[in-house]
Amino acid sequence: MAGWYELSKSSNGQFRFELKAANAETILTSELYVTRNAAENGIASVQTNSPHDERYEKKVASNGQPFFNLKAANHQVIGTSEQYSSTAARDNGIASVKANGPTTTIKDKT
C-alpha cells in the first residue's frame, strides 16, 4: 500500500494535513489552515512539489536534531518533518516524502 494524506480538524476549528507513509508513520505535517479548501490546496502543493529535490530545505533544530521543510516554488513552507536522530534518517524521510507525496489518496478525519 502506498502512503496517503490525512485531513483533520484541530480543537480550534482549523484544518491540517499529515502525509503518512505506507507503515502509517507521519512523514510531513502541514501548518494550520483556516479553511478546508486552503488545506486541500496545501495537499495539492505537496503533490506538485514533493518530487523536486530543490524544494527540500534541510535544517537542524536548536537541540541538534535534523529535520526538513518542504517548500513551494514561492519558497513558502508547505510542510515540516519530525525531528530525526541523524542526517541519514532525515534523508530517508525526504526520500519517503518524494515517494509518497504524489499520492491522491486522502483520508478525511474531519
N, C-alpha and C. Protein backbone atom coordinates (compact mmCIF):
# COMPACT_ATOMS: atom_id res chain seq x y z
N MET A 1 0.84 -1.19 0.00
CA MET A 1 0.00 0.00 0.00
C MET A 1 0.88 1.25 0.00
N ALA A 2 0.49 2.22 -0.75
CA ALA A 2 1.21 3.49 -0.80
C ALA A 2 0.78 4.37 0.36
N GLY A 3 1.44 5.51 0.47
CA GLY A 3 1.09 6.46 1.52
C GLY A 3 -0.22 7.17 1.22
N TRP A 4 -0.62 8.06 2.13
CA TRP A 4 -1.85 8.81 1.99
C TRP A 4 -1.78 10.10 2.79
N TYR A 5 -2.71 10.98 2.51
CA TYR A 5 -2.89 12.21 3.28
C TYR A 5 -4.02 11.99 4.26
N GLU A 6 -3.86 12.55 5.44
CA GLU A 6 -4.91 12.51 6.44
C GLU A 6 -5.28 13.95 6.75
N LEU A 7 -6.49 14.33 6.42
CA LEU A 7 -7.01 15.68 6.64
C LEU A 7 -7.80 15.67 7.94
N SER A 8 -7.45 16.59 8.84
CA SER A 8 -8.13 16.62 10.13
C SER A 8 -8.42 18.05 10.56
N LYS A 9 -9.23 18.16 11.60
CA LYS A 9 -9.62 19.45 12.15
C LYS A 9 -9.06 19.54 13.56
N SER A 10 -8.45 20.67 13.89
CA SER A 10 -7.87 20.84 15.22
C SER A 10 -8.94 21.30 16.21
N SER A 11 -8.56 21.35 17.47
CA SER A 11 -9.52 21.72 18.51
C SER A 11 -10.05 23.15 18.36
N ASN A 12 -9.30 24.00 17.65
CA ASN A 12 -9.76 25.38 17.46
C ASN A 12 -10.51 25.57 16.14
N GLY A 13 -10.83 24.45 15.46
CA GLY A 13 -11.63 24.51 14.25
C GLY A 13 -10.85 24.69 12.97
N GLN A 14 -9.53 24.80 13.06
CA GLN A 14 -8.72 24.94 11.86
C GLN A 14 -8.37 23.56 11.30
N PHE A 15 -7.85 23.55 10.09
CA PHE A 15 -7.57 22.29 9.38
C PHE A 15 -6.07 22.11 9.22
N ARG A 16 -5.66 20.83 9.17
CA ARG A 16 -4.27 20.49 8.88
C ARG A 16 -4.28 19.16 8.15
N PHE A 17 -3.14 18.85 7.54
CA PHE A 17 -3.00 17.53 6.94
C PHE A 17 -1.65 16.96 7.33
N GLU A 18 -1.61 15.65 7.31
CA GLU A 18 -0.37 14.91 7.51
C GLU A 18 -0.21 13.97 6.33
N LEU A 19 1.01 13.84 5.86
CA LEU A 19 1.33 12.83 4.86
C LEU A 19 1.84 11.62 5.61
N LYS A 20 1.21 10.48 5.37
CA LYS A 20 1.57 9.24 6.05
C LYS A 20 2.25 8.30 5.07
N ALA A 21 3.27 7.60 5.55
CA ALA A 21 3.92 6.56 4.75
C ALA A 21 3.06 5.30 4.81
N ALA A 22 3.41 4.32 4.00
CA ALA A 22 2.64 3.07 3.93
C ALA A 22 2.53 2.38 5.29
N ASN A 23 3.52 2.61 6.18
CA ASN A 23 3.50 2.00 7.52
C ASN A 23 2.74 2.85 8.53
N ALA A 24 2.03 3.88 8.06
CA ALA A 24 1.20 4.79 8.86
C ALA A 24 2.00 5.80 9.69
N GLU A 25 3.31 5.86 9.50
CA GLU A 25 4.12 6.86 10.17
C GLU A 25 3.92 8.22 9.50
N THR A 26 3.81 9.28 10.29
CA THR A 26 3.69 10.63 9.75
C THR A 26 5.05 11.06 9.23
N ILE A 27 5.10 11.49 7.97
CA ILE A 27 6.37 11.93 7.39
C ILE A 27 6.39 13.41 7.06
N LEU A 28 5.23 14.07 7.07
CA LEU A 28 5.17 15.51 6.83
C LEU A 28 3.89 16.03 7.47
N THR A 29 3.99 17.19 8.13
CA THR A 29 2.84 17.81 8.78
C THR A 29 2.71 19.24 8.28
N SER A 30 1.49 19.64 7.97
CA SER A 30 1.24 21.00 7.48
C SER A 30 1.09 21.98 8.63
N GLU A 31 1.01 23.25 8.25
CA GLU A 31 0.62 24.29 9.18
C GLU A 31 -0.90 24.19 9.38
N LEU A 32 -1.45 25.02 10.23
CA LEU A 32 -2.90 25.09 10.39
C LEU A 32 -3.48 26.03 9.34
N TYR A 33 -4.59 25.62 8.77
CA TYR A 33 -5.29 26.42 7.77
C TYR A 33 -6.66 26.80 8.31
N VAL A 34 -7.12 28.02 7.99
CA VAL A 34 -8.41 28.50 8.47
C VAL A 34 -9.55 27.75 7.79
N THR A 35 -9.38 27.41 6.51
CA THR A 35 -10.46 26.74 5.79
C THR A 35 -10.02 25.37 5.27
N ARG A 36 -11.00 24.53 5.05
CA ARG A 36 -10.74 23.20 4.48
C ARG A 36 -10.15 23.34 3.08
N ASN A 37 -10.68 24.27 2.29
CA ASN A 37 -10.20 24.49 0.94
C ASN A 37 -8.71 24.84 0.93
N ALA A 38 -8.29 25.67 1.87
CA ALA A 38 -6.87 26.04 1.96
C ALA A 38 -6.01 24.82 2.28
N ALA A 39 -6.49 23.96 3.17
CA ALA A 39 -5.74 22.73 3.49
C ALA A 39 -5.67 21.81 2.27
N GLU A 40 -6.76 21.72 1.52
CA GLU A 40 -6.76 20.90 0.30
C GLU A 40 -5.79 21.48 -0.73
N ASN A 41 -5.69 22.80 -0.81
CA ASN A 41 -4.70 23.43 -1.69
C ASN A 41 -3.28 23.11 -1.23
N GLY A 42 -3.08 23.02 0.08
CA GLY A 42 -1.78 22.63 0.62
C GLY A 42 -1.41 21.21 0.20
N ILE A 43 -2.37 20.30 0.24
CA ILE A 43 -2.14 18.93 -0.22
C ILE A 43 -1.74 18.93 -1.70
N ALA A 44 -2.46 19.70 -2.50
CA ALA A 44 -2.15 19.79 -3.93
C ALA A 44 -0.73 20.33 -4.14
N SER A 45 -0.32 21.25 -3.30
CA SER A 45 1.03 21.80 -3.40
C SER A 45 2.09 20.75 -3.07
N VAL A 46 1.83 19.92 -2.06
CA VAL A 46 2.76 18.83 -1.74
C VAL A 46 2.82 17.86 -2.91
N GLN A 47 1.67 17.52 -3.48
CA GLN A 47 1.65 16.60 -4.61
C GLN A 47 2.50 17.13 -5.76
N THR A 48 2.47 18.43 -5.99
CA THR A 48 3.22 19.05 -7.08
C THR A 48 4.71 19.19 -6.75
N ASN A 49 5.02 19.60 -5.54
CA ASN A 49 6.40 19.97 -5.20
C ASN A 49 7.25 18.84 -4.62
N SER A 50 6.62 17.81 -4.06
CA SER A 50 7.40 16.77 -3.37
C SER A 50 8.40 16.02 -4.24
N PRO A 51 8.19 15.86 -5.55
CA PRO A 51 9.19 15.13 -6.34
C PRO A 51 10.49 15.90 -6.60
N HIS A 52 10.54 17.18 -6.29
CA HIS A 52 11.66 18.03 -6.69
C HIS A 52 12.67 18.25 -5.56
N ASP A 53 13.90 17.81 -5.78
CA ASP A 53 14.97 17.93 -4.77
C ASP A 53 15.12 19.35 -4.25
N GLU A 54 15.05 20.33 -5.15
CA GLU A 54 15.31 21.72 -4.76
C GLU A 54 14.24 22.30 -3.85
N ARG A 55 13.15 21.59 -3.63
CA ARG A 55 12.07 22.08 -2.76
C ARG A 55 12.29 21.71 -1.29
N TYR A 56 13.34 20.93 -1.01
CA TYR A 56 13.59 20.49 0.37
C TYR A 56 14.65 21.36 1.02
N GLU A 57 14.33 21.86 2.19
CA GLU A 57 15.25 22.66 2.98
C GLU A 57 15.67 21.82 4.18
N LYS A 58 16.93 21.40 4.19
CA LYS A 58 17.45 20.59 5.29
C LYS A 58 17.88 21.53 6.40
N LYS A 59 17.42 21.24 7.61
CA LYS A 59 17.69 22.12 8.75
C LYS A 59 18.11 21.29 9.96
N VAL A 60 18.59 22.01 10.98
CA VAL A 60 18.93 21.39 12.26
C VAL A 60 18.25 22.20 13.35
N ALA A 61 17.51 21.53 14.21
CA ALA A 61 16.80 22.19 15.30
C ALA A 61 17.79 22.67 16.36
N SER A 62 17.31 23.50 17.26
CA SER A 62 18.17 24.04 18.31
C SER A 62 18.73 22.95 19.22
N ASN A 63 18.06 21.79 19.25
CA ASN A 63 18.56 20.69 20.08
C ASN A 63 19.53 19.79 19.31
N GLY A 64 19.87 20.19 18.07
CA GLY A 64 20.85 19.45 17.29
C GLY A 64 20.27 18.37 16.39
N GLN A 65 18.95 18.17 16.45
CA GLN A 65 18.34 17.11 15.64
C GLN A 65 17.97 17.63 14.26
N PRO A 66 18.31 16.86 13.21
CA PRO A 66 17.98 17.29 11.86
C PRO A 66 16.50 17.11 11.54
N PHE A 67 15.99 17.98 10.65
CA PHE A 67 14.63 17.89 10.13
C PHE A 67 14.62 18.59 8.78
N PHE A 68 13.47 18.63 8.13
CA PHE A 68 13.39 19.33 6.86
C PHE A 68 12.04 20.00 6.69
N ASN A 69 12.05 21.00 5.82
CA ASN A 69 10.82 21.65 5.37
C ASN A 69 10.67 21.37 3.88
N LEU A 70 9.44 21.17 3.44
CA LEU A 70 9.13 21.12 2.02
C LEU A 70 8.57 22.48 1.66
N LYS A 71 9.15 23.10 0.62
CA LYS A 71 8.73 24.44 0.23
C LYS A 71 8.13 24.43 -1.18
N ALA A 72 7.22 25.38 -1.40
CA ALA A 72 6.65 25.58 -2.72
C ALA A 72 7.63 26.39 -3.57
N ALA A 73 7.32 26.57 -4.83
CA ALA A 73 8.18 27.33 -5.74
C ALA A 73 8.37 28.77 -5.25
N ASN A 74 7.39 29.30 -4.51
CA ASN A 74 7.49 30.66 -3.98
C ASN A 74 8.23 30.71 -2.64
N HIS A 75 8.83 29.60 -2.25
CA HIS A 75 9.64 29.45 -1.03
C HIS A 75 8.82 29.42 0.26
N GLN A 76 7.50 29.33 0.16
CA GLN A 76 6.66 29.20 1.34
C GLN A 76 6.70 27.75 1.83
N VAL A 77 6.83 27.57 3.14
CA VAL A 77 6.84 26.22 3.72
C VAL A 77 5.46 25.60 3.59
N ILE A 78 5.42 24.39 3.01
CA ILE A 78 4.16 23.65 2.85
C ILE A 78 4.00 22.65 4.00
N GLY A 79 5.11 22.05 4.40
CA GLY A 79 5.06 21.05 5.45
C GLY A 79 6.41 20.88 6.11
N THR A 80 6.40 20.34 7.31
CA THR A 80 7.60 20.15 8.11
C THR A 80 7.65 18.70 8.59
N SER A 81 8.86 18.17 8.62
CA SER A 81 9.05 16.79 9.09
C SER A 81 9.16 16.75 10.60
N GLU A 82 9.22 15.54 11.11
CA GLU A 82 9.57 15.34 12.50
C GLU A 82 11.07 15.61 12.65
N GLN A 83 11.56 15.60 13.87
CA GLN A 83 13.00 15.68 14.11
C GLN A 83 13.56 14.27 14.09
N TYR A 84 14.71 14.13 13.45
CA TYR A 84 15.33 12.81 13.27
C TYR A 84 16.57 12.68 14.14
N SER A 85 16.99 11.43 14.33
CA SER A 85 18.16 11.14 15.15
C SER A 85 19.47 11.33 14.40
N SER A 86 19.42 11.38 13.07
CA SER A 86 20.63 11.54 12.27
C SER A 86 20.29 12.17 10.93
N THR A 87 21.32 12.67 10.25
CA THR A 87 21.09 13.24 8.91
C THR A 87 20.68 12.14 7.93
N ALA A 88 21.19 10.93 8.12
CA ALA A 88 20.81 9.82 7.25
C ALA A 88 19.32 9.51 7.40
N ALA A 89 18.82 9.53 8.64
CA ALA A 89 17.39 9.29 8.88
C ALA A 89 16.57 10.41 8.25
N ARG A 90 17.04 11.66 8.36
CA ARG A 90 16.33 12.78 7.74
C ARG A 90 16.28 12.59 6.22
N ASP A 91 17.40 12.19 5.63
CA ASP A 91 17.44 11.99 4.18
C ASP A 91 16.51 10.86 3.75
N ASN A 92 16.37 9.84 4.59
CA ASN A 92 15.40 8.77 4.32
C ASN A 92 13.97 9.32 4.39
N GLY A 93 13.73 10.25 5.31
CA GLY A 93 12.43 10.90 5.41
C GLY A 93 12.10 11.69 4.16
N ILE A 94 13.09 12.40 3.63
CA ILE A 94 12.90 13.15 2.38
C ILE A 94 12.57 12.18 1.25
N ALA A 95 13.29 11.08 1.17
CA ALA A 95 13.03 10.08 0.13
C ALA A 95 11.61 9.54 0.24
N SER A 96 11.13 9.36 1.47
CA SER A 96 9.77 8.87 1.69
C SER A 96 8.74 9.89 1.24
N VAL A 97 8.97 11.18 1.52
CA VAL A 97 8.03 12.22 1.06
C VAL A 97 8.05 12.29 -0.46
N LYS A 98 9.22 12.16 -1.06
CA LYS A 98 9.31 12.17 -2.53
C LYS A 98 8.51 11.01 -3.13
N ALA A 99 8.58 9.85 -2.49
CA ALA A 99 7.89 8.66 -3.00
C ALA A 99 6.38 8.71 -2.74
N ASN A 100 5.98 9.22 -1.57
CA ASN A 100 4.57 9.19 -1.17
C ASN A 100 3.80 10.47 -1.46
N GLY A 101 4.50 11.57 -1.63
CA GLY A 101 3.85 12.87 -1.83
C GLY A 101 2.88 12.95 -2.99
N PRO A 102 3.19 12.34 -4.12
CA PRO A 102 2.29 12.45 -5.27
C PRO A 102 0.96 11.69 -5.13
N THR A 103 0.80 10.90 -4.09
CA THR A 103 -0.43 10.12 -3.94
C THR A 103 -1.68 11.00 -3.97
N THR A 104 -2.75 10.44 -4.46
CA THR A 104 -4.01 11.17 -4.49
C THR A 104 -4.99 10.65 -3.42
N THR A 105 -4.54 9.73 -2.60
CA THR A 105 -5.39 9.17 -1.55
C THR A 105 -5.47 10.12 -0.37
N ILE A 106 -6.68 10.54 -0.03
CA ILE A 106 -6.89 11.45 1.10
C ILE A 106 -7.93 10.82 2.02
N LYS A 107 -7.55 10.64 3.28
CA LYS A 107 -8.47 10.12 4.29
C LYS A 107 -8.99 11.31 5.10
N ASP A 108 -10.27 11.50 5.04
CA ASP A 108 -10.90 12.65 5.69
C ASP A 108 -11.25 12.29 7.12
N LYS A 109 -10.57 12.91 8.09
CA LYS A 109 -10.81 12.67 9.51
C LYS A 109 -11.54 13.85 10.16
N THR A 110 -12.10 14.72 9.32
CA THR A 110 -12.79 15.90 9.88
C THR A 110 -14.16 15.49 10.35
